[in-house]
């Protein structure tokens, strides 16, 4: 009696493995993304940086409170949209609590523009002059739309102690 040899079993190489079902892949990706997500930003008042002494606000901080002492500086770094013809302007009276320091500085950020983001922003600086509370409002408008509702508005409550 002759015995037939047992069929040879080969392990598949990585190119021939069965595909991972989409559901498992999506769940695994979601778990990894959740573990890598940044913690939520604190929603307390914005205060000056300990090293520079400057409190900096950006668009995402709109609606938040900024706390300053007399003599400290507030810097607003706000995205601009010059290609769309939209200009940024100060939409509220801040004197005598704050004093604007010079004109806004326009900065082109070529690196952000190349990555598909907005490529420019303006830096507005204000110094706390005397104790008080003021709403610091910025408005985005097209130059020919000087009246009516602005395209967009950002507001920060500033408290000077």
N, C-alpha and C. Protein backbone atom coordinates (compact mmCIF):
# COMPACT_ATOMS: atom_id res chain seq x y z
N UNK A 1 0.81 -1.14 0.00
CA UNK A 1 0.00 0.00 0.00
C UNK A 1 0.88 1.23 0.00
N UNK A 2 0.53 2.10 -0.89
CA UNK A 2 1.31 3.32 -0.98
C UNK A 2 0.54 4.46 -0.32
N UNK A 3 1.26 5.22 0.38
CA UNK A 3 0.65 6.35 1.08
C UNK A 3 0.94 7.61 0.27
N UNK A 4 -0.12 8.33 0.00
CA UNK A 4 0.03 9.58 -0.74
C UNK A 4 0.61 10.65 0.17
N UNK A 5 1.53 11.41 -0.36
CA UNK A 5 2.09 12.47 0.49
C UNK A 5 1.02 13.52 0.83
N UNK A 6 1.14 14.04 2.01
CA UNK A 6 0.19 15.05 2.45
C UNK A 6 0.43 16.33 1.66
N UNK A 7 -0.65 17.04 1.27
CA UNK A 7 -0.44 18.27 0.50
C UNK A 7 0.35 19.30 1.31
N UNK A 8 1.20 19.98 0.61
CA UNK A 8 2.06 20.97 1.24
C UNK A 8 1.26 22.24 1.52
N UNK A 9 1.33 22.71 2.74
CA UNK A 9 0.62 23.95 3.10
C UNK A 9 1.61 25.10 3.13
N UNK A 10 1.30 26.09 2.38
CA UNK A 10 2.18 27.26 2.36
C UNK A 10 1.50 28.40 3.11
N UNK A 11 2.31 29.16 3.78
CA UNK A 11 1.78 30.35 4.44
C UNK A 11 1.71 31.46 3.42
N UNK A 12 0.63 32.15 3.35
CA UNK A 12 0.53 33.23 2.37
C UNK A 12 1.49 34.36 2.72
N UNK A 13 2.03 34.98 1.72
CA UNK A 13 2.89 36.15 1.97
C UNK A 13 2.00 37.35 2.27
N UNK A 14 2.59 38.44 2.69
CA UNK A 14 1.81 39.59 3.11
C UNK A 14 0.97 40.17 1.98
N UNK A 15 1.37 39.97 0.73
CA UNK A 15 0.60 40.50 -0.39
C UNK A 15 -0.68 39.71 -0.63
N UNK A 16 -0.76 38.50 -0.13
CA UNK A 16 -1.90 37.65 -0.41
C UNK A 16 -2.78 37.41 0.81
N UNK A 17 -2.58 38.15 1.85
CA UNK A 17 -3.41 37.98 3.05
C UNK A 17 -4.81 38.51 2.77
N UNK A 18 -5.73 38.05 3.55
CA UNK A 18 -7.11 38.49 3.41
C UNK A 18 -7.19 39.96 3.84
N UNK A 19 -7.97 40.76 3.13
CA UNK A 19 -8.10 42.17 3.52
C UNK A 19 -8.83 42.29 4.85
N UNK A 20 -8.46 43.32 5.61
CA UNK A 20 -9.11 43.59 6.89
C UNK A 20 -10.47 44.22 6.59
N UNK A 21 -11.53 43.72 7.18
CA UNK A 21 -12.84 44.32 6.94
C UNK A 21 -12.83 45.80 7.30
N UNK A 22 -13.58 46.61 6.53
CA UNK A 22 -13.59 48.06 6.71
C UNK A 22 -14.02 48.46 8.12
N UNK A 23 -14.97 47.77 8.68
CA UNK A 23 -15.46 48.10 10.02
C UNK A 23 -14.37 48.05 11.07
N UNK A 24 -13.56 47.02 11.04
CA UNK A 24 -12.46 46.89 12.02
C UNK A 24 -11.44 47.99 11.82
N UNK A 25 -11.15 48.28 10.56
CA UNK A 25 -10.18 49.33 10.26
C UNK A 25 -10.68 50.69 10.74
N UNK A 26 -11.95 50.97 10.53
CA UNK A 26 -12.52 52.25 10.96
C UNK A 26 -12.49 52.39 12.48
N UNK A 27 -12.82 51.31 13.18
CA UNK A 27 -12.82 51.35 14.64
C UNK A 27 -11.40 51.55 15.16
N UNK A 28 -10.45 50.83 14.58
CA UNK A 28 -9.05 50.98 15.01
C UNK A 28 -8.55 52.39 14.75
N UNK A 29 -8.88 52.96 13.60
CA UNK A 29 -8.46 54.33 13.28
C UNK A 29 -9.07 55.33 14.25
N UNK A 30 -10.35 55.13 14.58
CA UNK A 30 -11.02 56.04 15.51
C UNK A 30 -10.38 55.99 16.89
N UNK A 31 -10.01 54.79 17.34
CA UNK A 31 -9.38 54.66 18.65
C UNK A 31 -8.02 55.34 18.68
N UNK A 32 -7.25 55.18 17.62
CA UNK A 32 -5.94 55.82 17.56
C UNK A 32 -6.11 57.33 17.53
N UNK A 33 -7.05 57.83 16.72
CA UNK A 33 -7.27 59.28 16.64
C UNK A 33 -7.73 59.84 17.97
N UNK A 34 -8.58 59.12 18.68
CA UNK A 34 -9.07 59.61 19.98
C UNK A 34 -7.93 59.70 20.98
N UNK A 35 -7.00 58.75 20.91
CA UNK A 35 -5.86 58.77 21.83
C UNK A 35 -4.88 59.88 21.52
N UNK A 36 -4.85 60.32 20.27
CA UNK A 36 -3.90 61.35 19.85
C UNK A 36 -4.51 62.74 19.88
N UNK A 37 -5.79 62.86 20.13
CA UNK A 37 -6.45 64.16 20.10
C UNK A 37 -5.93 65.04 21.23
N UNK A 38 -5.84 66.32 20.95
CA UNK A 38 -5.39 67.27 21.97
C UNK A 38 -6.49 67.46 23.00
N UNK A 39 -6.12 67.72 24.24
CA UNK A 39 -7.14 67.96 25.25
C UNK A 39 -7.89 69.24 24.93
N UNK A 40 -9.14 69.36 25.37
CA UNK A 40 -9.89 70.58 25.07
C UNK A 40 -9.21 71.80 25.69
N UNK A 41 -9.31 72.91 24.98
CA UNK A 41 -8.69 74.14 25.44
C UNK A 41 -9.42 74.65 26.68
N UNK A 42 -8.68 75.20 27.64
CA UNK A 42 -9.33 75.75 28.83
C UNK A 42 -10.19 76.95 28.44
N UNK A 43 -11.33 77.09 29.07
CA UNK A 43 -12.24 78.17 28.72
C UNK A 43 -12.22 79.30 29.74
N UNK A 44 -11.23 79.34 30.60
CA UNK A 44 -11.12 80.42 31.58
C UNK A 44 -10.65 81.70 30.90
N UNK A 45 -10.40 82.74 31.68
CA UNK A 45 -9.94 84.00 31.09
C UNK A 45 -8.55 83.87 30.49
N UNK A 46 -8.30 84.67 29.48
CA UNK A 46 -6.98 84.73 28.85
C UNK A 46 -6.16 85.75 29.62
N UNK A 47 -4.95 85.37 30.02
CA UNK A 47 -4.08 86.25 30.78
C UNK A 47 -2.74 86.37 30.06
N UNK A 48 -1.96 87.39 30.38
CA UNK A 48 -0.66 87.55 29.72
C UNK A 48 0.27 86.38 29.96
N UNK A 49 1.10 86.08 28.97
CA UNK A 49 2.12 85.06 29.06
C UNK A 49 3.13 85.48 30.12
N UNK A 50 3.54 84.55 30.95
CA UNK A 50 4.47 84.88 32.04
C UNK A 50 5.81 85.37 31.53
N UNK A 51 6.26 84.86 30.40
CA UNK A 51 7.57 85.23 29.90
C UNK A 51 7.56 86.57 29.18
N UNK A 52 6.60 86.77 28.26
CA UNK A 52 6.58 88.00 27.46
C UNK A 52 5.73 89.10 28.07
N UNK A 53 4.78 88.73 28.93
CA UNK A 53 3.89 89.74 29.51
C UNK A 53 2.80 90.20 28.55
N UNK A 54 2.62 89.49 27.42
CA UNK A 54 1.63 89.86 26.41
C UNK A 54 0.52 88.82 26.39
N UNK A 55 -0.73 89.29 26.41
CA UNK A 55 -1.88 88.40 26.26
C UNK A 55 -2.22 88.36 24.78
N UNK A 56 -2.25 87.17 24.19
CA UNK A 56 -2.52 87.03 22.76
C UNK A 56 -3.85 86.35 22.54
N UNK A 57 -4.67 86.94 21.65
CA UNK A 57 -5.94 86.33 21.27
C UNK A 57 -5.93 86.08 19.77
N UNK A 58 -6.66 85.04 19.37
CA UNK A 58 -6.84 84.69 17.96
C UNK A 58 -8.34 84.56 17.71
N UNK A 59 -8.73 84.29 16.45
CA UNK A 59 -10.14 84.21 16.11
C UNK A 59 -10.89 83.20 16.97
N UNK A 60 -10.28 82.05 17.24
CA UNK A 60 -10.96 81.00 17.99
C UNK A 60 -11.26 81.41 19.44
N UNK A 61 -10.64 82.48 19.92
CA UNK A 61 -10.87 82.96 21.28
C UNK A 61 -12.05 83.93 21.38
N UNK A 62 -12.70 84.23 20.26
CA UNK A 62 -13.80 85.20 20.27
C UNK A 62 -14.83 84.79 21.31
N UNK A 63 -15.31 85.79 22.07
CA UNK A 63 -16.28 85.54 23.12
C UNK A 63 -15.66 85.32 24.49
N UNK A 64 -14.37 85.14 24.54
CA UNK A 64 -13.69 84.90 25.82
C UNK A 64 -13.31 86.23 26.49
N UNK A 65 -12.99 86.14 27.75
CA UNK A 65 -12.58 87.30 28.54
C UNK A 65 -11.06 87.35 28.62
N UNK A 66 -10.52 88.56 28.51
CA UNK A 66 -9.08 88.78 28.66
C UNK A 66 -8.88 89.62 29.92
N UNK A 67 -8.01 89.16 30.81
CA UNK A 67 -7.73 89.90 32.04
C UNK A 67 -6.33 90.49 31.98
N UNK A 68 -6.24 91.81 32.18
CA UNK A 68 -4.97 92.54 32.14
C UNK A 68 -4.82 93.41 33.37
N UNK A 69 -3.59 93.77 33.65
CA UNK A 69 -3.30 94.80 34.65
C UNK A 69 -2.88 96.04 33.89
N UNK A 70 -3.01 97.18 34.51
CA UNK A 70 -2.60 98.44 33.87
C UNK A 70 -1.16 98.32 33.41
N UNK A 71 -0.90 98.69 32.17
CA UNK A 71 0.44 98.64 31.58
C UNK A 71 0.71 97.39 30.76
N UNK A 72 -0.09 96.33 30.93
CA UNK A 72 0.12 95.11 30.15
C UNK A 72 -0.43 95.27 28.73
N UNK A 73 0.04 94.40 27.84
CA UNK A 73 -0.29 94.50 26.42
C UNK A 73 -1.18 93.34 25.98
N UNK A 74 -2.15 93.68 25.14
CA UNK A 74 -3.01 92.70 24.49
C UNK A 74 -2.68 92.71 23.00
N UNK A 75 -2.45 91.53 22.45
CA UNK A 75 -2.13 91.41 21.03
C UNK A 75 -3.19 90.52 20.38
N UNK A 76 -3.85 91.04 19.35
CA UNK A 76 -4.84 90.27 18.61
C UNK A 76 -4.22 89.88 17.27
N UNK A 77 -4.12 88.56 17.03
CA UNK A 77 -3.58 88.02 15.76
C UNK A 77 -4.74 87.42 15.00
N UNK A 78 -5.26 88.19 14.04
CA UNK A 78 -6.49 87.82 13.37
C UNK A 78 -6.26 87.57 11.88
N UNK A 79 -6.85 86.50 11.40
CA UNK A 79 -6.74 86.12 9.99
C UNK A 79 -7.38 87.19 9.12
N UNK A 80 -6.76 87.47 7.98
CA UNK A 80 -7.31 88.43 7.03
C UNK A 80 -7.61 87.72 5.71
N UNK A 81 -8.48 88.34 4.94
CA UNK A 81 -8.92 87.75 3.68
C UNK A 81 -8.78 88.76 2.54
N UNK A 82 -7.57 89.21 2.23
CA UNK A 82 -7.41 90.24 1.20
C UNK A 82 -7.83 89.77 -0.19
N UNK A 83 -7.68 88.50 -0.50
CA UNK A 83 -8.05 88.00 -1.83
C UNK A 83 -9.56 88.08 -2.04
N UNK A 84 -10.32 88.07 -0.95
CA UNK A 84 -11.77 88.16 -1.05
C UNK A 84 -12.25 89.60 -0.91
N UNK A 85 -11.32 90.55 -0.77
CA UNK A 85 -11.68 91.95 -0.66
C UNK A 85 -12.25 92.32 0.69
N UNK A 86 -11.96 91.51 1.72
CA UNK A 86 -12.51 91.77 3.05
C UNK A 86 -11.42 92.38 3.94
N UNK A 87 -11.72 93.53 4.52
CA UNK A 87 -10.76 94.23 5.38
C UNK A 87 -11.20 94.12 6.84
N UNK A 88 -10.24 94.17 7.73
CA UNK A 88 -10.48 94.08 9.17
C UNK A 88 -10.42 95.49 9.75
N UNK A 89 -11.39 95.82 10.61
CA UNK A 89 -11.38 97.14 11.24
C UNK A 89 -11.82 97.01 12.69
N UNK A 90 -11.46 98.01 13.47
CA UNK A 90 -11.85 98.05 14.87
C UNK A 90 -13.30 98.51 14.93
N UNK A 91 -14.16 97.74 15.57
CA UNK A 91 -15.58 98.04 15.56
C UNK A 91 -16.11 98.58 16.87
N UNK A 92 -15.23 98.93 17.80
CA UNK A 92 -15.70 99.46 19.09
C UNK A 92 -14.73 100.52 19.60
N UNK A 93 -15.26 101.38 20.46
CA UNK A 93 -14.43 102.41 21.09
C UNK A 93 -13.85 101.79 22.36
N UNK A 94 -12.53 101.81 22.46
CA UNK A 94 -11.87 101.15 23.60
C UNK A 94 -11.20 102.14 24.55
N UNK A 95 -11.18 103.42 24.18
CA UNK A 95 -10.57 104.43 25.02
C UNK A 95 -11.52 104.75 26.16
N UNK A 96 -11.15 105.02 27.34
CA UNK A 96 -9.81 105.21 27.88
C UNK A 96 -9.22 103.94 28.50
N UNK A 97 -9.97 102.82 28.49
CA UNK A 97 -9.47 101.60 29.12
C UNK A 97 -8.26 101.03 28.40
N UNK A 98 -8.31 101.00 27.06
CA UNK A 98 -7.20 100.50 26.24
C UNK A 98 -6.73 101.60 25.30
N UNK A 99 -5.45 101.53 24.92
CA UNK A 99 -4.91 102.45 23.92
C UNK A 99 -4.27 101.61 22.83
N UNK A 100 -4.69 101.86 21.57
CA UNK A 100 -4.10 101.12 20.46
C UNK A 100 -2.67 101.60 20.25
N UNK A 101 -1.75 100.65 20.13
CA UNK A 101 -0.33 100.98 19.92
C UNK A 101 0.00 100.87 18.44
N UNK A 102 0.05 101.98 17.77
CA UNK A 102 0.41 101.98 16.35
C UNK A 102 -0.68 101.42 15.47
N UNK A 103 -0.32 101.24 14.22
CA UNK A 103 -1.25 100.67 13.24
C UNK A 103 -1.14 99.15 13.25
N UNK A 104 -2.17 98.47 12.76
CA UNK A 104 -2.07 97.01 12.66
C UNK A 104 -0.96 96.62 11.69
N UNK A 105 -0.28 95.53 11.99
CA UNK A 105 0.80 95.04 11.14
C UNK A 105 0.27 93.86 10.33
N UNK A 106 0.41 93.93 9.02
CA UNK A 106 -0.03 92.86 8.14
C UNK A 106 1.12 91.88 7.93
N UNK A 107 0.86 90.58 8.12
CA UNK A 107 1.89 89.55 7.98
C UNK A 107 1.42 88.51 6.98
N UNK A 108 2.23 88.28 5.95
CA UNK A 108 1.96 87.21 4.99
C UNK A 108 2.67 85.96 5.47
N UNK A 109 1.92 84.89 5.63
CA UNK A 109 2.49 83.63 6.07
C UNK A 109 2.50 82.68 4.89
N UNK A 110 3.58 82.69 4.12
CA UNK A 110 3.67 81.90 2.89
C UNK A 110 3.58 80.41 3.17
N UNK A 111 4.11 79.96 4.31
CA UNK A 111 4.08 78.53 4.62
C UNK A 111 2.64 78.04 4.80
N UNK A 112 1.84 78.80 5.53
CA UNK A 112 0.43 78.42 5.71
C UNK A 112 -0.33 78.49 4.39
N UNK A 113 -0.01 79.46 3.55
CA UNK A 113 -0.70 79.60 2.26
C UNK A 113 -0.40 78.41 1.37
N UNK A 114 0.84 77.92 1.38
CA UNK A 114 1.20 76.77 0.56
C UNK A 114 0.51 75.50 1.01
N UNK A 115 0.20 75.40 2.30
CA UNK A 115 -0.46 74.20 2.82
C UNK A 115 -1.98 74.29 2.64
N UNK A 116 -2.45 75.27 1.92
CA UNK A 116 -3.88 75.38 1.65
C UNK A 116 -4.64 76.19 2.68
N UNK A 117 -3.94 76.78 3.63
CA UNK A 117 -4.61 77.59 4.64
C UNK A 117 -4.65 79.05 4.22
N UNK A 118 -5.13 79.87 5.11
CA UNK A 118 -5.16 81.30 4.85
C UNK A 118 -3.75 81.81 5.06
N UNK A 119 -3.28 82.61 4.13
CA UNK A 119 -1.88 82.98 4.15
C UNK A 119 -1.54 84.31 4.76
N UNK A 120 -2.46 84.99 5.44
CA UNK A 120 -2.07 86.26 6.03
C UNK A 120 -2.91 86.55 7.28
N UNK A 121 -2.35 87.40 8.12
CA UNK A 121 -3.05 87.83 9.32
C UNK A 121 -2.56 89.21 9.70
N UNK A 122 -3.31 89.86 10.58
CA UNK A 122 -2.93 91.18 11.09
C UNK A 122 -2.71 91.08 12.58
N UNK A 123 -1.75 91.87 13.06
CA UNK A 123 -1.47 91.93 14.49
C UNK A 123 -1.88 93.32 14.98
N UNK A 124 -2.81 93.36 15.90
CA UNK A 124 -3.27 94.59 16.53
C UNK A 124 -2.79 94.57 17.97
N UNK A 125 -2.18 95.69 18.42
CA UNK A 125 -1.66 95.76 19.80
C UNK A 125 -2.37 96.86 20.57
N UNK A 126 -2.71 96.55 21.82
CA UNK A 126 -3.36 97.50 22.71
C UNK A 126 -2.69 97.43 24.07
N UNK A 127 -2.57 98.60 24.71
CA UNK A 127 -1.99 98.66 26.07
C UNK A 127 -3.12 99.03 27.04
N UNK A 128 -3.14 98.34 28.18
CA UNK A 128 -4.13 98.63 29.22
C UNK A 128 -3.74 99.94 29.90
N UNK A 129 -4.63 100.94 29.83
CA UNK A 129 -4.33 102.28 30.33
C UNK A 129 -4.89 102.55 31.72
N UNK A 130 -6.13 102.10 31.96
CA UNK A 130 -6.74 102.34 33.27
C UNK A 130 -7.74 101.24 33.57
N UNK A 131 -8.03 101.01 34.86
CA UNK A 131 -8.96 99.94 35.21
C UNK A 131 -10.34 100.16 34.58
N UNK A 132 -10.95 99.06 34.21
CA UNK A 132 -12.28 99.13 33.60
C UNK A 132 -12.58 97.87 32.82
N UNK A 133 -13.71 97.90 32.15
CA UNK A 133 -14.19 96.77 31.37
C UNK A 133 -14.64 97.32 30.02
N UNK A 134 -14.20 96.67 28.93
CA UNK A 134 -14.56 97.15 27.60
C UNK A 134 -14.72 95.95 26.65
N UNK A 135 -15.62 96.10 25.70
CA UNK A 135 -15.79 95.07 24.66
C UNK A 135 -14.91 95.48 23.47
N UNK A 136 -13.94 94.63 23.16
CA UNK A 136 -13.04 94.87 22.03
C UNK A 136 -13.62 94.11 20.84
N UNK A 137 -14.10 94.84 19.83
CA UNK A 137 -14.78 94.22 18.70
C UNK A 137 -14.04 94.53 17.41
N UNK A 138 -13.88 93.51 16.59
CA UNK A 138 -13.30 93.65 15.26
C UNK A 138 -14.35 93.26 14.23
N UNK A 139 -14.37 93.97 13.11
CA UNK A 139 -15.35 93.68 12.06
C UNK A 139 -14.64 93.42 10.74
N UNK A 140 -15.15 92.42 10.03
CA UNK A 140 -14.68 92.13 8.68
C UNK A 140 -15.70 92.73 7.72
N UNK A 141 -15.24 93.62 6.84
CA UNK A 141 -16.13 94.27 5.87
C UNK A 141 -15.41 94.44 4.54
N UNK A 142 -16.20 94.49 3.50
CA UNK A 142 -15.67 94.90 2.20
C UNK A 142 -15.69 96.43 2.20
N UNK A 143 -14.67 97.07 1.64
CA UNK A 143 -14.57 98.54 1.71
C UNK A 143 -15.81 99.27 1.17
N UNK A 144 -16.48 98.72 0.19
CA UNK A 144 -17.65 99.39 -0.37
C UNK A 144 -18.93 99.12 0.43
N UNK A 145 -18.83 98.29 1.49
CA UNK A 145 -19.97 98.01 2.36
C UNK A 145 -19.74 98.64 3.73
N UNK A 146 -19.67 99.97 3.78
CA UNK A 146 -19.32 100.65 5.02
C UNK A 146 -20.48 100.70 6.02
N UNK A 147 -21.69 100.47 5.58
CA UNK A 147 -22.83 100.46 6.50
C UNK A 147 -23.47 99.07 6.49
N UNK A 148 -24.34 98.86 7.45
CA UNK A 148 -25.02 97.57 7.53
C UNK A 148 -24.24 96.56 8.35
N UNK A 149 -24.70 95.34 8.28
CA UNK A 149 -24.09 94.27 9.05
C UNK A 149 -22.75 93.87 8.45
N UNK A 150 -21.70 93.74 9.29
CA UNK A 150 -20.40 93.31 8.75
C UNK A 150 -20.46 91.86 8.29
N UNK A 151 -19.51 91.47 7.44
CA UNK A 151 -19.42 90.10 6.96
C UNK A 151 -19.21 89.15 8.14
N UNK A 152 -18.37 89.57 9.07
CA UNK A 152 -18.10 88.78 10.27
C UNK A 152 -17.67 89.73 11.37
N UNK A 153 -17.94 89.35 12.61
CA UNK A 153 -17.57 90.18 13.74
C UNK A 153 -16.98 89.30 14.85
N UNK A 154 -15.92 89.77 15.48
CA UNK A 154 -15.29 89.06 16.59
C UNK A 154 -15.26 90.01 17.79
N UNK A 155 -15.57 89.49 18.96
CA UNK A 155 -15.59 90.33 20.14
C UNK A 155 -14.93 89.63 21.32
N UNK A 156 -14.20 90.41 22.10
CA UNK A 156 -13.51 89.92 23.31
C UNK A 156 -13.86 90.88 24.43
N UNK A 157 -14.13 90.35 25.61
CA UNK A 157 -14.35 91.21 26.76
C UNK A 157 -13.02 91.40 27.46
N UNK A 158 -12.60 92.65 27.64
CA UNK A 158 -11.31 92.94 28.26
C UNK A 158 -11.57 93.59 29.61
N UNK A 159 -10.97 93.00 30.63
CA UNK A 159 -11.08 93.51 31.99
C UNK A 159 -9.69 93.96 32.44
N UNK A 160 -9.57 95.23 32.78
CA UNK A 160 -8.28 95.79 33.25
C UNK A 160 -8.44 96.08 34.73
N UNK A 161 -7.51 95.55 35.52
CA UNK A 161 -7.55 95.74 36.98
C UNK A 161 -6.43 96.66 37.42
